[in-house]
Protein backbone atom coordinates (compact mmCIF):
# COMPACT_ATOMS: atom_id res chain seq x y z
CA UNK A 1 54.05 -10.10 6.10
CA UNK A 2 52.40 -7.02 7.63
CA UNK A 3 49.78 -7.09 4.86
CA UNK A 4 48.75 -10.64 5.80
CA UNK A 5 48.52 -9.70 9.51
CA UNK A 6 46.34 -6.69 8.68
CA UNK A 7 44.17 -8.83 6.42
CA UNK A 8 43.81 -11.48 9.16
CA UNK A 9 42.93 -8.75 11.72
CA UNK A 10 40.11 -7.39 9.51
CA UNK A 11 38.81 -10.88 8.73
CA UNK A 12 38.60 -11.76 12.44
CA UNK A 13 36.88 -8.46 13.30
CA UNK A 14 34.44 -8.86 10.42
CA UNK A 15 33.58 -12.35 11.68
CA UNK A 16 33.04 -11.01 15.21
CA UNK A 17 30.76 -8.31 13.78
CA UNK A 18 28.59 -10.92 12.09
CA UNK A 19 28.49 -13.09 15.20
CA UNK A 20 27.66 -10.38 17.72
CA UNK A 21 25.92 -7.56 15.84
CA UNK A 22 23.69 -9.18 13.24
CA UNK A 23 20.71 -10.91 14.86
CA UNK A 24 20.53 -14.56 14.05
CA UNK A 25 16.87 -14.22 13.07
CA UNK A 26 17.89 -12.00 10.18
CA UNK A 27 20.34 -14.58 8.91
CA UNK A 28 17.75 -17.37 8.99
CA UNK A 29 14.79 -15.46 7.52
CA UNK A 30 13.88 -14.47 4.00
CA UNK A 31 12.05 -11.32 3.04
CA UNK A 32 8.65 -12.44 1.80
CA UNK A 33 7.13 -9.37 0.20
CA UNK A 34 5.34 -9.65 -2.07
CA UNK A 35 3.90 -12.90 -0.74
CA UNK A 36 1.55 -15.56 -2.06
CA UNK A 37 -0.66 -17.65 0.23
CA UNK A 38 -3.38 -20.20 -0.30
CA UNK A 39 -6.97 -19.57 0.75
CA UNK A 40 -7.84 -20.71 4.26
CA UNK A 41 -4.19 -20.77 5.43
CA UNK A 42 -4.08 -20.43 9.20
CA UNK A 43 -1.48 -18.84 11.54
CA UNK A 44 0.70 -17.43 8.75
CA UNK A 45 3.32 -15.29 10.52
CA UNK A 46 4.74 -11.96 9.36
CA UNK A 47 7.30 -9.88 11.25
CA UNK A 48 9.66 -6.95 11.23
CA UNK A 49 12.89 -6.81 13.22
CA UNK A 50 11.96 -5.99 16.79
CA UNK A 51 13.23 -2.77 18.33
CA UNK A 52 13.10 -3.14 22.13
CA UNK A 53 10.51 -0.79 23.61
CA UNK A 54 8.73 -0.10 20.33
CA UNK A 55 5.09 -0.97 19.65
CA UNK A 56 3.74 -1.97 16.27
CA UNK A 57 0.36 -1.15 14.77
CA UNK A 58 -0.57 -3.69 12.09
CA UNK A 59 -3.44 -3.44 9.62
CA UNK A 60 -4.70 -5.69 6.85
CA UNK A 61 -6.76 -4.43 3.90
CA UNK A 62 -8.87 -7.60 3.72
CA UNK A 63 -8.75 -11.29 2.88
CA UNK A 64 -8.06 -12.43 6.41
CA UNK A 65 -7.81 -11.44 10.04
CA UNK A 66 -4.88 -10.70 12.31
CA UNK A 67 -5.43 -13.45 14.87
CA UNK A 68 -2.67 -12.50 17.31
CA UNK A 69 0.39 -10.32 17.82
CA UNK A 70 -1.12 -6.84 17.40
CA UNK A 71 1.24 -4.38 19.15
CA UNK A 72 4.27 -6.66 18.74
CA UNK A 73 6.79 -7.05 15.92
CA UNK A 74 5.17 -10.35 14.81
CA UNK A 75 1.56 -10.99 13.78
CA UNK A 76 -0.27 -14.16 12.81
CA UNK A 77 -2.91 -14.03 10.08
CA UNK A 78 -5.73 -16.45 9.40
CA UNK A 79 -6.47 -16.12 5.69
CA UNK A 80 -10.06 -16.54 4.53
CA UNK A 81 -11.58 -18.00 1.39
CA UNK A 82 -11.64 -14.82 -0.71
CA UNK A 83 -9.10 -14.74 -3.55
CA UNK A 84 -7.46 -11.37 -4.14
CA UNK A 85 -4.55 -9.06 -3.51
CA UNK A 86 -4.31 -7.49 -0.05
CA UNK A 87 -1.95 -5.15 1.79
CA UNK A 88 -0.42 -5.79 5.19
CA UNK A 89 0.92 -2.63 6.84
CA UNK A 90 2.84 -1.97 10.02
CA UNK A 91 3.71 1.34 11.69
CA UNK A 92 6.29 1.31 14.47
CA UNK A 93 6.18 3.72 17.40
CA UNK A 94 9.43 4.01 19.34
CA UNK A 95 9.74 3.99 23.12
CA UNK A 96 10.09 7.80 22.84
CA UNK A 97 6.76 8.16 21.01
CA UNK A 98 8.24 8.81 17.57
CA UNK A 99 6.17 7.27 14.75
CA UNK A 100 7.98 5.62 11.86
CA UNK A 101 7.00 5.44 8.23
CA UNK A 102 4.49 2.71 7.22
CA UNK A 103 5.98 -0.48 5.86
CA UNK A 104 3.71 -2.48 3.54
CA UNK A 105 3.61 -5.92 2.02
CA UNK A 106 1.43 -7.00 -0.92
CA UNK A 107 -0.05 -10.46 -0.42
CA UNK A 108 -1.85 -12.46 -3.09
CA UNK A 109 -4.35 -14.99 -1.79
CA UNK A 110 -4.87 -17.73 -4.36
CA UNK A 111 -7.21 -20.73 -4.74
CA UNK A 112 -6.17 -24.17 -3.75
CA UNK A 113 -6.13 -26.54 -6.71
CA UNK A 114 -9.35 -28.25 -7.79
CA UNK A 115 -8.61 -31.95 -7.33
CA UNK A 116 -10.53 -34.86 -8.86
CA UNK A 117 -10.06 -38.59 -9.35
CA UNK A 118 -11.55 -40.31 -12.38
CA UNK A 119 -14.25 -42.72 -11.25
CA UNK A 120 -13.42 -46.44 -11.34
CA UNK A 121 -15.37 -49.57 -10.48
CA UNK A 122 -17.28 -51.34 -9.28
CA UNK A 123 -15.03 -54.36 -9.50
CA UNK A 124 -15.06 -58.01 -8.64
CA UNK A 125 -12.39 -59.13 -6.20
CA UNK A 126 -10.58 -61.17 -8.88
CA UNK A 127 -10.42 -58.34 -11.42
CA UNK A 128 -7.05 -57.17 -12.72
CA UNK A 129 -5.19 -54.24 -11.24
CA UNK A 130 -6.59 -50.93 -12.56
CA UNK A 131 -4.89 -47.62 -13.33
CA UNK A 132 -5.92 -44.57 -11.27
CA UNK A 133 -6.07 -41.09 -12.84
CA UNK A 134 -5.96 -37.92 -10.73
CA UNK A 135 -6.47 -34.39 -12.01
CA UNK A 136 -4.35 -32.38 -12.23
CA UNK A 137 -1.71 -35.01 -12.87
CA UNK A 138 1.41 -35.24 -10.79
CA UNK A 139 -0.20 -35.94 -7.39
CA UNK A 140 0.11 -38.93 -5.09
CA UNK A 141 -2.45 -41.69 -4.50
CA UNK A 142 -2.68 -43.42 -1.14
CA UNK A 143 -4.82 -46.04 0.56
CA UNK A 144 -5.07 -49.78 1.04
CA UNK A 145 -4.56 -51.62 -2.21
CA UNK A 146 -2.89 -48.61 -3.86
CA UNK A 147 0.49 -49.13 -5.47
CA UNK A 148 1.75 -45.99 -7.23
CA UNK A 149 -0.99 -45.03 -9.66
CA UNK A 150 -2.80 -48.38 -9.53
CA UNK A 151 -5.43 -50.11 -7.40
CA UNK A 152 -5.61 -53.85 -6.75
CA UNK A 153 -9.25 -55.01 -6.33
CA UNK A 154 -8.14 -58.10 -4.40
CA UNK A 155 -7.89 -55.84 -1.31
CA UNK A 156 -11.68 -55.30 -1.34
CA UNK A 157 -13.69 -52.08 -1.16
CA UNK A 158 -11.49 -49.14 -0.15
CA UNK A 159 -11.27 -45.37 0.09
CA UNK A 160 -8.51 -43.98 -2.13
CA UNK A 161 -7.01 -40.52 -1.51
CA UNK A 162 -5.37 -38.27 -4.09
CA UNK A 163 -3.17 -35.36 -2.94
CA UNK A 164 -1.77 -32.72 -5.25
CA UNK A 165 0.57 -29.78 -4.53
CA UNK A 166 0.46 -26.98 -7.11
CA UNK A 167 3.34 -24.72 -8.21
CA UNK A 168 2.10 -22.00 -5.78
CA UNK A 169 2.62 -24.33 -2.83
CA UNK A 170 -1.11 -24.85 -2.36
CA UNK A 171 -2.38 -28.40 -1.87
CA UNK A 172 -5.62 -30.20 -2.37
CA UNK A 173 -6.91 -33.63 -1.43
CA UNK A 174 -9.88 -35.67 -2.53
CA UNK A 175 -11.15 -39.19 -1.92
CA UNK A 176 -13.17 -41.79 -3.83
CA UNK A 177 -14.75 -44.96 -2.56
CA UNK A 178 -13.99 -47.93 -4.76
CA UNK A 179 -16.51 -50.75 -4.53
CA UNK A 180 -15.20 -54.28 -4.89
CA UNK A 181 -17.73 -57.12 -4.83
CA UNK A 182 -16.77 -60.65 -3.75
CA UNK A 183 -16.81 -63.32 -6.38
CA UNK A 184 -19.39 -66.05 -5.77
CA UNK A 185 -18.16 -69.17 -4.04
CA UNK A 186 -20.19 -71.81 -5.91
CA UNK A 187 -20.42 -75.20 -4.31
CA UNK A 188 -19.53 -78.38 -6.16
CA UNK A 189 -22.17 -80.04 -8.29
CA UNK A 190 -24.10 -82.68 -6.38
CA UNK A 191 -26.47 -85.44 -7.42
CA UNK A 192 -29.27 -86.83 -5.37
């Protein structure tokens, strides 16, 4: 009986420790280093756990710019269009002026996928439904007259969009204009 009471006491205290002493941000965040981002990604945030009173000196070896947050525990980076591997570094200085060791993160900036749609058309408005092919495969077509991977010319000339998300989490989008011509509306045959 005493063993169960001791066990219950430790379980309650352990739970209180997690509730009061471990910041909730730590429980909801995932360490990201090394990281992978797509070119031209904007406002990508990186942070370390904030120590009240400390200041943080961030530096980036290239590939983007720190757009905001310098001096704080969180920075936002606007990544550029240059593919490569870059290093993000932060050095913390405590309220007492003590300088900590640099903490670094390797970040790979990768290309967004090259997206294309195979050309189709022109069509006549009474033509049969046509299959659409996007490259790479596995993306999603959208637009008026689009049903899955097909286009129905009876909806007339339209812009069709193809969106693809690659395994790196990068996405690309492209459009094509599909021309649909009306069929002639021939009058009845008359005799004078």
